[in-house]
Structure formats: C-alpha cells, structure tokens
Protein backbone atom coordinates (compact mmCIF):
# COMPACT_ATOMS: atom_id res chain seq x y z
CA MET A 1 0.00 0.00 0.00
CA PRO A 2 1.69 3.25 -1.08
CA HIS A 3 2.31 5.78 1.62
CA LYS A 4 1.04 9.25 0.70
CA LEU A 5 3.41 12.00 1.68
CA LYS A 6 2.24 15.45 2.58
CA LYS A 7 3.31 17.86 -0.16
CA GLN A 8 6.23 19.94 1.08
CA ASN A 9 7.39 23.31 -0.07
CA LEU A 10 11.04 23.75 0.83
CA GLN A 11 12.61 27.15 0.25
CA CYS A 12 16.27 27.61 -0.58
CA PRO A 13 17.90 29.61 2.24
CA PHE A 14 20.05 31.48 -0.29
CA CYS A 15 17.44 32.52 -2.85
CA SER A 16 13.69 32.39 -3.44
CA SER A 17 13.61 28.98 -5.14
CA ILE A 18 11.12 26.48 -3.75
CA SER A 19 11.34 22.70 -4.08
CA THR A 20 8.77 20.06 -3.24
CA ARG A 21 11.40 17.46 -2.31
CA GLY A 22 14.46 17.51 -0.09
CA THR A 23 16.58 15.95 -2.81
CA GLY A 24 15.49 18.65 -5.23
CA LEU A 25 16.42 21.36 -2.75
CA SER A 26 19.78 19.70 -2.13
CA ALA A 27 20.49 19.44 -5.85
CA HIS A 28 19.50 23.08 -6.36
CA ILE A 29 21.81 24.32 -3.59
CA ARG A 30 24.68 22.08 -4.77
CA ALA A 31 24.37 23.47 -8.33
CA GLN A 32 23.36 27.08 -7.74
CA HIS A 33 25.13 27.86 -4.43
CA PRO A 34 28.27 25.67 -4.41
CA ARG A 35 30.16 27.85 -1.91
CA GLU A 36 27.38 27.60 0.67
CA TYR A 37 26.53 23.95 -0.02
CA GLY A 38 29.21 22.33 2.18
CA LYS A 39 28.23 24.19 5.33
CA TRP A 40 24.51 23.86 4.59
CA ASN A 41 24.80 20.12 3.97
CA LYS A 42 26.42 19.57 7.40
CA ASN A 43 23.41 21.12 9.19
CA PRO A 44 21.17 18.26 10.42
CA ASN A 45 18.14 20.59 10.62
CA ARG A 46 18.47 21.95 7.08
CA ILE A 47 15.24 20.44 5.73
CA LEU A 48 13.23 21.51 8.79
CA GLN A 49 14.57 25.05 8.42
CA ALA A 50 13.76 25.07 4.71
CA ALA A 51 10.21 23.89 5.46
CA ALA A 52 9.80 26.51 8.21
CA SER A 53 11.03 29.30 5.95
CA THR A 54 8.41 28.48 3.31
CA VAL A 55 5.59 29.14 5.76
CA LYS A 56 6.48 32.82 5.50
CA VAL A 57 6.69 32.64 1.71
CA LEU A 58 3.37 30.85 1.22
CA ARG A 59 1.34 33.63 2.83
CA LYS A 60 -0.33 35.91 0.31
CA GLU A 61 2.21 38.66 -0.20
CA PRO A 62 2.90 41.01 -3.07
CA ARG A 63 5.55 39.99 -5.62
CA LEU A 64 9.10 40.88 -4.65
CA HIS A 65 11.71 42.52 -6.84
CA SER A 66 15.48 42.38 -6.47
CA ILE A 67 17.44 45.58 -6.10
CA PRO A 68 21.17 45.35 -6.87
CA PRO A 69 23.51 46.71 -4.17
CA PRO A 70 24.81 50.24 -4.88
CA GLY A 71 28.47 49.13 -5.16
CA ARG A 72 27.57 46.64 -7.86
CA LEU A 73 26.50 49.34 -10.32
CA LYS A 74 29.78 51.23 -9.96
CA GLN A 75 31.82 48.04 -10.31
CA GLU A 76 30.26 47.11 -13.63
CA SER A 77 30.86 50.53 -15.15
CA VAL A 78 34.58 50.60 -14.26
CA SER A 79 36.87 48.45 -16.35
CA GLY A 80 39.65 46.80 -14.43
CA PRO A 81 40.65 43.61 -12.70
CA ALA A 82 37.86 41.57 -11.20
CA PRO A 83 37.78 41.24 -7.39
CA SER A 84 39.50 38.15 -6.02
CA VAL A 85 36.47 37.07 -3.96
CA PRO A 86 33.20 36.98 -5.92
CA GLU A 87 30.54 39.15 -4.35
CA GLN A 88 27.15 37.82 -3.40
CA PRO A 89 24.48 40.28 -4.43
CA MET A 90 22.48 41.68 -1.58
CA VAL A 91 18.78 41.37 -2.32
CA LEU A 92 16.27 43.72 -0.81
CA ALA A 93 12.67 42.80 -1.33
CA LEU A 94 10.08 45.47 -1.94
CA PRO A 95 6.48 44.76 -2.83
CA THR A 96 4.99 46.32 -5.94
CA ARG A 97 2.32 48.84 -4.92
CA GLN A 98 0.63 51.88 -6.22
CA PRO A 99 1.78 55.17 -4.64
CA GLY A 100 -0.24 56.09 -1.56
CA GLU A 101 -1.30 52.50 -0.72
CA VAL A 102 1.15 51.91 2.17
CA ASN A 103 -0.35 52.25 5.63
CA GLY A 104 1.43 52.21 9.02
CA GLN A 105 1.25 48.44 9.52
CA GLU A 106 2.56 47.72 6.02
CA ALA A 107 5.39 50.21 6.54
CA LEU A 108 6.35 48.43 9.76
CA THR A 109 6.26 45.09 7.93
CA LEU A 110 8.56 46.49 5.24
CA LEU A 111 10.97 47.80 7.85
CA GLN A 112 11.00 44.43 9.60
CA LYS A 113 11.73 42.63 6.32
CA ALA A 114 14.54 45.04 5.49
CA TYR A 115 15.97 44.59 8.98
CA GLU A 116 15.84 40.78 8.71
CA GLN A 117 17.50 40.80 5.30
CA LEU A 118 20.24 43.21 6.30
CA SER A 119 20.88 41.34 9.56
CA ALA A 120 21.22 38.08 7.64
CA ARG A 121 23.59 39.73 5.15
CA LYS A 122 25.62 41.19 8.03
CA GLN A 123 26.02 37.70 9.48
CA GLN A 124 27.11 36.35 6.09
CA ILE A 125 29.68 39.12 5.76
CA GLU A 126 31.00 38.56 9.29
CA SER A 127 31.38 34.83 8.69
CA GLU A 128 33.21 35.50 5.41
CA MET A 129 35.49 37.99 7.18
CA ALA A 130 36.26 35.42 9.89
CA ARG A 131 37.02 32.85 7.19
CA ILE A 132 39.35 35.30 5.45
CA GLU A 133 41.14 36.07 8.73
CA SER A 134 41.70 32.37 9.38
CA MET A 135 42.99 31.96 5.81
CA ARG A 136 45.44 34.84 6.39
CA ASP A 137 46.74 33.09 9.52
CA GLU A 138 47.08 29.82 7.62
CA HIS A 139 48.81 31.66 4.76
CA GLU A 140 51.39 33.07 7.18
CA ALA A 141 52.04 29.60 8.65
CA VAL A 142 52.38 28.00 5.21
CA THR A 143 54.67 30.83 4.05
CA ALA A 144 56.93 30.24 7.05
CA GLN A 145 57.02 26.51 6.30
CA VAL A 146 57.82 27.11 2.62
CA THR A 147 60.65 29.46 3.62
CA ALA A 148 62.09 26.84 5.98
CA LEU A 149 61.89 24.13 3.31
CA ASP A 150 63.47 26.48 0.77
CA GLN A 151 66.43 27.04 3.10
CA ALA A 152 66.77 23.29 3.70
CA MET A 153 66.76 22.63 -0.05
CA LYS A 154 69.46 25.29 -0.58
CA ALA A 155 71.61 23.65 2.10
CA PHE A 156 71.44 20.35 0.22
CA GLN A 157 72.21 21.98 -3.11
CA LYS A 158 75.37 23.70 -1.77
CA GLN A 159 76.97 20.39 -0.72
CA PRO A 160 79.38 19.06 -3.35
CA VAL A 161 78.44 15.77 -4.91
CA ARG A 162 81.16 13.13 -4.38
CA PRO A 163 81.87 10.83 -7.27
CA SER A 164 81.02 7.24 -6.54
CA LYS A 165 83.81 4.65 -6.55
CA SER A 166 83.24 2.03 -9.18
CA ALA A 167 85.33 -1.05 -9.62
C-alpha cells in the first residue's frame, strides 16, 4: 500500500527557489550555491529550516523585486581587474504597490523585512570575514614553512656531490 506524503514546499535559504522534495532542494543548492553547499549540507536541521522558511513565503504577499547593491552598479561601469572574492548580491525585497497605498502596519512590515535581510547579510559578511582572517593566519604559517623548506633545499644543493667509486 503506497504511503502518501504530505506535499512539502522547501525554500532555498540562499534565494527564493522552492522545491517540493528535499533531494530537489539539495540538488539546487549544490548546483546554484556551491560555496554555501558544504556548510549547509552539514546542518542536520536543514530540511526543517527550509520547510519553516516556506511558511512565511506561502502567505499571500505582493511579488518581490530584487534591487542590486549600490556598489555593484559602480563596479560594472569601471573596467579593471575583477575582485579576487566573488561578491554575493544583496537582495532587498520590496512589494509592488501603487503610490499612496502603504499604511502604518505595512510600513512596519517592510521595515522588519529590510531589517531581517540586512541582519542576515551582516552575518554572512561577518562569517566570510572570519574565514578570510583564518585563511590569512594559515597563509602566514604556510609561508613560514615554505621558507624553511626552501632554506633546507638550498643547504642540500650547496653540498658538493662526491663521485662514486666504481670497480
């Protein structure tokens, strides 16, 4: 007797994509967000969190539009070397409305959404900065090790090679 599963809507924590299956969500994140996938995949509550986040999305809300971050526009117009660490675009969601339709409660809701999004982005930035700091420390340690090995190799190269005695 087939077991009927309740239809799930799982939202990607990195974008607005929604999947009906955990494997679909996992495949989406692996393909579309490869940098975040490793950390996300280690979280044992990832599917529960994805299911909980869709509850907010499924409520009747106006369509949302992405707004590129201000620095992004300047970067595209200037020709030059690309940054070494690819930037993640910050997405601010604003509902489409006619002018004059926003009341006090809707304004508060918009402020709360903006606050949540910016707080989440701040956490992402802080974690990236911590990762970069740890990479700098590791770089210094590896540089010191390479220098020591370089000196050891030079010591071996300066020794004269003795001819072998053959009979």
